[in-house]
Amino acid sequence: MASVNNNRTRVTKKKAQEEYTEANRSVKQSVRSDKRNYLDTLATDAKEAAYQNRT
């Protein structure tokens, strides 16, 4: 009986680890995308400010 219980625990832990890994990957990808968009917006604003300063 103990081996069956251990096996279920291992399977449950492995499934939880896979779910965590997938969620972690998704979050990291989202953070990279948000950072890229923020920096693009910042660069665009800087270009617009520089252009307005020249005129």
PDB file of N, CA and C in Angstrom:
ATOM      1  N   MET A   1       0.821  -1.202   0.000  1.00  0.00           N
ATOM      2  CA  MET A   1       0.000   0.000   0.000  1.00  0.00           C
ATOM      3  C   MET A   1       0.865   1.268   0.000  1.00  0.00           C
ATOM      4  N   ALA A   2       1.984   1.221   0.695  1.00  0.00           N
ATOM      5  CA  ALA A   2       2.847   2.396   0.774  1.00  0.00           C
ATOM      6  C   ALA A   2       3.417   2.757  -0.597  1.00  0.00           C
ATOM      7  N   SER A   3       3.764   1.742  -1.397  1.00  0.00           N
ATOM      8  CA  SER A   3       4.338   2.034  -2.709  1.00  0.00           C
ATOM      9  C   SER A   3       3.314   2.690  -3.634  1.00  0.00           C
ATOM     10  N   VAL A   4       2.072   2.297  -3.524  1.00  0.00           N
ATOM     11  CA  VAL A   4       1.014   2.912  -4.335  1.00  0.00           C
ATOM     12  C   VAL A   4       0.854   4.370  -3.924  1.00  0.00           C
ATOM     13  N   ASN A   5       0.867   4.617  -2.641  1.00  0.00           N
ATOM     14  CA  ASN A   5       0.736   5.981  -2.131  1.00  0.00           C
ATOM     15  C   ASN A   5       1.931   6.837  -2.559  1.00  0.00           C
ATOM     16  N   ASN A   6       3.134   6.261  -2.478  1.00  0.00           N
ATOM     17  CA  ASN A   6       4.333   6.978  -2.912  1.00  0.00           C
ATOM     18  C   ASN A   6       4.262   7.320  -4.390  1.00  0.00           C
ATOM     19  N   ASN A   7       3.807   6.388  -5.177  1.00  0.00           N
ATOM     20  CA  ASN A   7       3.704   6.601  -6.618  1.00  0.00           C
ATOM     21  C   ASN A   7       2.732   7.735  -6.923  1.00  0.00           C
ATOM     22  N   ARG A   8       1.605   7.761  -6.239  1.00  0.00           N
ATOM     23  CA  ARG A   8       0.632   8.848  -6.438  1.00  0.00           C
ATOM     24  C   ARG A   8       1.253  10.187  -6.054  1.00  0.00           C
ATOM     25  N   THR A   9       2.001  10.198  -4.967  1.00  0.00           N
ATOM     26  CA  THR A   9       2.641  11.434  -4.526  1.00  0.00           C
ATOM     27  C   THR A   9       3.641  11.911  -5.570  1.00  0.00           C
ATOM     28  N   ARG A  10       4.441  10.984  -6.104  1.00  0.00           N
ATOM     29  CA  ARG A  10       5.418  11.347  -7.135  1.00  0.00           C
ATOM     30  C   ARG A  10       4.733  11.908  -8.372  1.00  0.00           C
ATOM     31  N   VAL A  11       3.679  11.270  -8.789  1.00  0.00           N
ATOM     32  CA  VAL A  11       2.947  11.729  -9.974  1.00  0.00           C
ATOM     33  C   VAL A  11       2.353  13.115  -9.711  1.00  0.00           C
ATOM     34  N   THR A  12       1.791  13.303  -8.546  1.00  0.00           N
ATOM     35  CA  THR A  12       1.205  14.599  -8.191  1.00  0.00           C
ATOM     36  C   THR A  12       2.272  15.687  -8.162  1.00  0.00           C
ATOM     37  N   LYS A  13       3.417  15.388  -7.556  1.00  0.00           N
ATOM     38  CA  LYS A  13       4.507  16.369  -7.490  1.00  0.00           C
ATOM     39  C   LYS A  13       5.024  16.707  -8.884  1.00  0.00           C
ATOM     40  N   LYS A  14       5.169  15.679  -9.719  1.00  0.00           N
ATOM     41  CA  LYS A  14       5.662  15.914 -11.080  1.00  0.00           C
ATOM     42  C   LYS A  14       4.676  16.787 -11.868  1.00  0.00           C
ATOM     43  N   LYS A  15       3.399  16.511 -11.714  1.00  0.00           N
ATOM     44  CA  LYS A  15       2.381  17.306 -12.415  1.00  0.00           C
ATOM     45  C   LYS A  15       2.405  18.755 -11.918  1.00  0.00           C
ATOM     46  N   ALA A  16       2.520  18.924 -10.612  1.00  0.00           N
ATOM     47  CA  ALA A  16       2.573  20.276 -10.050  1.00  0.00           C
ATOM     48  C   ALA A  16       3.809  21.019 -10.553  1.00  0.00           C
ATOM     49  N   GLN A  17       4.951  20.316 -10.635  1.00  0.00           N
ATOM     50  CA  GLN A  17       6.181  20.940 -11.127  1.00  0.00           C
ATOM     51  C   GLN A  17       6.036  21.348 -12.586  1.00  0.00           C
ATOM     52  N   GLU A  18       5.409  20.502 -13.394  1.00  0.00           N
ATOM     53  CA  GLU A  18       5.202  20.841 -14.806  1.00  0.00           C
ATOM     54  C   GLU A  18       4.290  22.055 -14.953  1.00  0.00           C
ATOM     55  N   GLU A  19       3.246  22.118 -14.146  1.00  0.00           N
ATOM     56  CA  GLU A  19       2.339  23.271 -14.191  1.00  0.00           C
ATOM     57  C   GLU A  19       3.057  24.541 -13.776  1.00  0.00           C
ATOM     58  N   TYR A  20       3.883  24.440 -12.729  1.00  0.00           N
ATOM     59  CA  TYR A  20       4.648  25.600 -12.266  1.00  0.00           C
ATOM     60  C   TYR A  20       5.616  26.063 -13.351  1.00  0.00           C
ATOM     61  N   THR A  21       6.299  25.115 -13.973  1.00  0.00           N
ATOM     62  CA  THR A  21       7.273  25.455 -15.007  1.00  0.00           C
ATOM     63  C   THR A  21       6.597  26.180 -16.160  1.00  0.00           C
ATOM     64  N   GLU A  22       5.457  25.689 -16.581  1.00  0.00           N
ATOM     65  CA  GLU A  22       4.722  26.328 -17.683  1.00  0.00           C
ATOM     66  C   GLU A  22       4.263  27.735 -17.289  1.00  0.00           C
ATOM     67  N   ALA A  23       3.732  27.879 -16.087  1.00  0.00           N
ATOM     68  CA  ALA A  23       3.284  29.198 -15.624  1.00  0.00           C
ATOM     69  C   ALA A  23       4.469  30.153 -15.510  1.00  0.00           C
ATOM     70  N   ASN A  24       5.583  29.662 -15.000  1.00  0.00           N
ATOM     71  CA  ASN A  24       6.774  30.494 -14.842  1.00  0.00           C
ATOM     72  C   ASN A  24       7.282  30.965 -16.206  1.00  0.00           C
ATOM     73  N   ARG A  25       7.292  30.075 -17.175  1.00  0.00           N
ATOM     74  CA  ARG A  25       7.722  30.423 -18.530  1.00  0.00           C
ATOM     75  C   ARG A  25       6.815  31.501 -19.108  1.00  0.00           C
ATOM     76  N   SER A  26       5.526  31.349 -18.896  1.00  0.00           N
ATOM     77  CA  SER A  26       4.556  32.313 -19.407  1.00  0.00           C
ATOM     78  C   SER A  26       4.749  33.688 -18.776  1.00  0.00           C
ATOM     79  N   VAL A  27       4.964  33.704 -17.475  1.00  0.00           N
ATOM     80  CA  VAL A  27       5.164  34.975 -16.769  1.00  0.00           C
ATOM     81  C   VAL A  27       6.434  35.661 -17.256  1.00  0.00           C
ATOM     82  N   LYS A  28       7.513  34.903 -17.388  1.00  0.00           N
ATOM     83  CA  LYS A  28       8.768  35.496 -17.853  1.00  0.00           C
ATOM     84  C   LYS A  28       8.624  36.070 -19.259  1.00  0.00           C
ATOM     85  N   GLN A  29       7.916  35.347 -20.120  1.00  0.00           N
ATOM     86  CA  GLN A  29       7.692  35.824 -21.480  1.00  0.00           C
ATOM     87  C   GLN A  29       6.881  37.118 -21.465  1.00  0.00           C
ATOM     88  N   SER A  30       5.870  37.168 -20.613  1.00  0.00           N
ATOM     89  CA  SER A  30       5.038  38.352 -20.497  1.00  0.00           C
ATOM     90  C   SER A  30       5.851  39.551 -19.991  1.00  0.00           C
ATOM     91  N   VAL A  31       6.720  39.304 -19.022  1.00  0.00           N
ATOM     92  CA  VAL A  31       7.551  40.380 -18.476  1.00  0.00           C
ATOM     93  C   VAL A  31       8.487  40.919 -19.553  1.00  0.00           C
ATOM     94  N   ARG A  32       9.088  40.022 -20.323  1.00  0.00           N
ATOM     95  CA  ARG A  32       9.980  40.470 -21.402  1.00  0.00           C
ATOM     96  C   ARG A  32       9.220  41.317 -22.417  1.00  0.00           C
ATOM     97  N   SER A  33       8.024  40.884 -22.767  1.00  0.00           N
ATOM     98  CA  SER A  33       7.213  41.615 -23.731  1.00  0.00           C
ATOM     99  C   SER A  33       6.827  42.996 -23.190  1.00  0.00           C
ATOM    100  N   ASP A  34       6.400  43.040 -21.931  1.00  0.00           N
ATOM    101  CA  ASP A  34       6.029  44.315 -21.318  1.00  0.00           C
ATOM    102  C   ASP A  34       7.215  45.270 -21.260  1.00  0.00           C
ATOM    103  N   LYS A  35       8.385  44.733 -20.915  1.00  0.00           N
ATOM    104  CA  LYS A  35       9.586  45.565 -20.830  1.00  0.00           C
ATOM    105  C   LYS A  35       9.938  46.122 -22.206  1.00  0.00           C
ATOM    106  N   ARG A  36       9.844  45.269 -23.232  1.00  0.00           N
ATOM    107  CA  ARG A  36      10.147  45.703 -24.592  1.00  0.00           C
ATOM    108  C   ARG A  36       9.194  46.821 -25.019  1.00  0.00           C
ATOM    109  N   ASN A  37       7.911  46.638 -24.739  1.00  0.00           N
ATOM    110  CA  ASN A  37       6.926  47.663 -25.101  1.00  0.00           C
ATOM    111  C   ASN A  37       7.171  48.963 -24.344  1.00  0.00           C
ATOM    112  N   TYR A  38       7.525  48.856 -23.064  1.00  0.00           N
ATOM    113  CA  TYR A  38       7.792  50.051 -22.261  1.00  0.00           C
ATOM    114  C   TYR A  38       8.981  50.814 -22.838  1.00  0.00           C
ATOM    115  N   LEU A  39      10.053  50.093 -23.160  1.00  0.00           N
ATOM    116  CA  LEU A  39      11.234  50.758 -23.692  1.00  0.00           C
ATOM    117  C   LEU A  39      10.971  51.364 -25.063  1.00  0.00           C
ATOM    118  N   ASP A  40      10.173  50.695 -25.879  1.00  0.00           N
ATOM    119  CA  ASP A  40       9.814  51.268 -27.179  1.00  0.00           C
ATOM    120  C   ASP A  40       9.027  52.560 -27.004  1.00  0.00           C
ATOM    121  N   THR A  41       8.091  52.557 -26.080  1.00  0.00           N
ATOM    122  CA  THR A  41       7.297  53.757 -25.800  1.00  0.00           C
ATOM    123  C   THR A  41       8.186  54.876 -25.270  1.00  0.00           C
ATOM    124  N   LEU A  42       9.096  54.539 -24.388  1.00  0.00           N
ATOM    125  CA  LEU A  42      10.023  55.523 -23.820  1.00  0.00           C
ATOM    126  C   LEU A  42      10.884  56.141 -24.920  1.00  0.00           C
ATOM    127  N   ALA A  43      11.381  55.306 -25.823  1.00  0.00           N
ATOM    128  CA  ALA A  43      12.211  55.796 -26.922  1.00  0.00           C
ATOM    129  C   ALA A  43      11.408  56.700 -27.847  1.00  0.00           C
ATOM    130  N   THR A  44      10.180  56.322 -28.128  1.00  0.00           N
ATOM    131  CA  THR A  44       9.316  57.135 -28.984  1.00  0.00           C
ATOM    132  C   THR A  44       9.050  58.491 -28.336  1.00  0.00           C
ATOM    133  N   ASP A  45       8.762  58.481 -27.043  1.00  0.00           N
ATOM    134  CA  ASP A  45       8.529  59.745 -26.330  1.00  0.00           C
ATOM    135  C   ASP A  45       9.771  60.627 -26.345  1.00  0.00           C
ATOM    136  N   ALA A  46      10.936  60.016 -26.188  1.00  0.00           N
ATOM    137  CA  ALA A  46      12.185  60.785 -26.201  1.00  0.00           C
ATOM    138  C   ALA A  46      12.423  61.405 -27.576  1.00  0.00           C
ATOM    139  N   LYS A  47      12.139  60.631 -28.633  1.00  0.00           N
ATOM    140  CA  LYS A  47      12.306  61.163 -29.983  1.00  0.00           C
ATOM    141  C   LYS A  47      11.350  62.332 -30.221  1.00  0.00           C
ATOM    142  N   GLU A  48      10.114  62.187 -29.775  1.00  0.00           N
ATOM    143  CA  GLU A  48       9.133  63.265 -29.949  1.00  0.00           C
ATOM    144  C   GLU A  48       9.543  64.507 -29.170  1.00  0.00           C
ATOM    145  N   ALA A  49      10.048  64.309 -27.958  1.00  0.00           N
ATOM    146  CA  ALA A  49      10.488  65.456 -27.152  1.00  0.00           C
ATOM    147  C   ALA A  49      11.675  66.145 -27.807  1.00  0.00           C
ATOM    148  N   ALA A  50      12.594  65.364 -28.345  1.00  0.00           N
ATOM    149  CA  ALA A  50      13.759  65.944 -29.014  1.00  0.00           C
ATOM    150  C   ALA A  50      13.316  66.696 -30.267  1.00  0.00           C
ATOM    151  N   TYR A  51      12.384  66.157 -30.997  1.00  0.00           N
ATOM    152  CA  TYR A  51      11.895  66.814 -32.210  1.00  0.00           C
ATOM    153  C   TYR A  51      11.208  68.129 -31.847  1.00  0.00           C
ATOM    154  N   GLN A  52      10.395  68.145 -30.811  1.00  0.00           N
ATOM    155  CA  GLN A  52       9.689  69.354 -30.404  1.00  0.00           C
ATOM    156  C   GLN A  52      10.667  70.414 -29.885  1.00  0.00           C
ATOM    157  N   ASN A  53      11.765  69.997 -29.313  1.00  0.00           N
ATOM    158  CA  ASN A  53      12.769  70.935 -28.822  1.00  0.00           C
ATOM    159  C   ASN A  53      13.475  71.636 -29.973  1.00  0.00           C
ATOM    160  N   ARG A  54      13.613  70.940 -31.103  1.00  0.00           N
ATOM    161  CA  ARG A  54      14.316  71.504 -32.247  1.00  0.00           C
ATOM    162  C   ARG A  54      13.488  72.551 -32.976  1.00  0.00           C
ATOM    163  N   THR A  55      12.176  72.420 -32.916  1.00  0.00           N
ATOM    164  CA  THR A  55      11.347  73.347 -33.691  1.00  0.00           C
ATOM    165  C   THR A  55      10.937  74.542 -32.872  1.00  0.00           C
TER     166      THR A  55
END
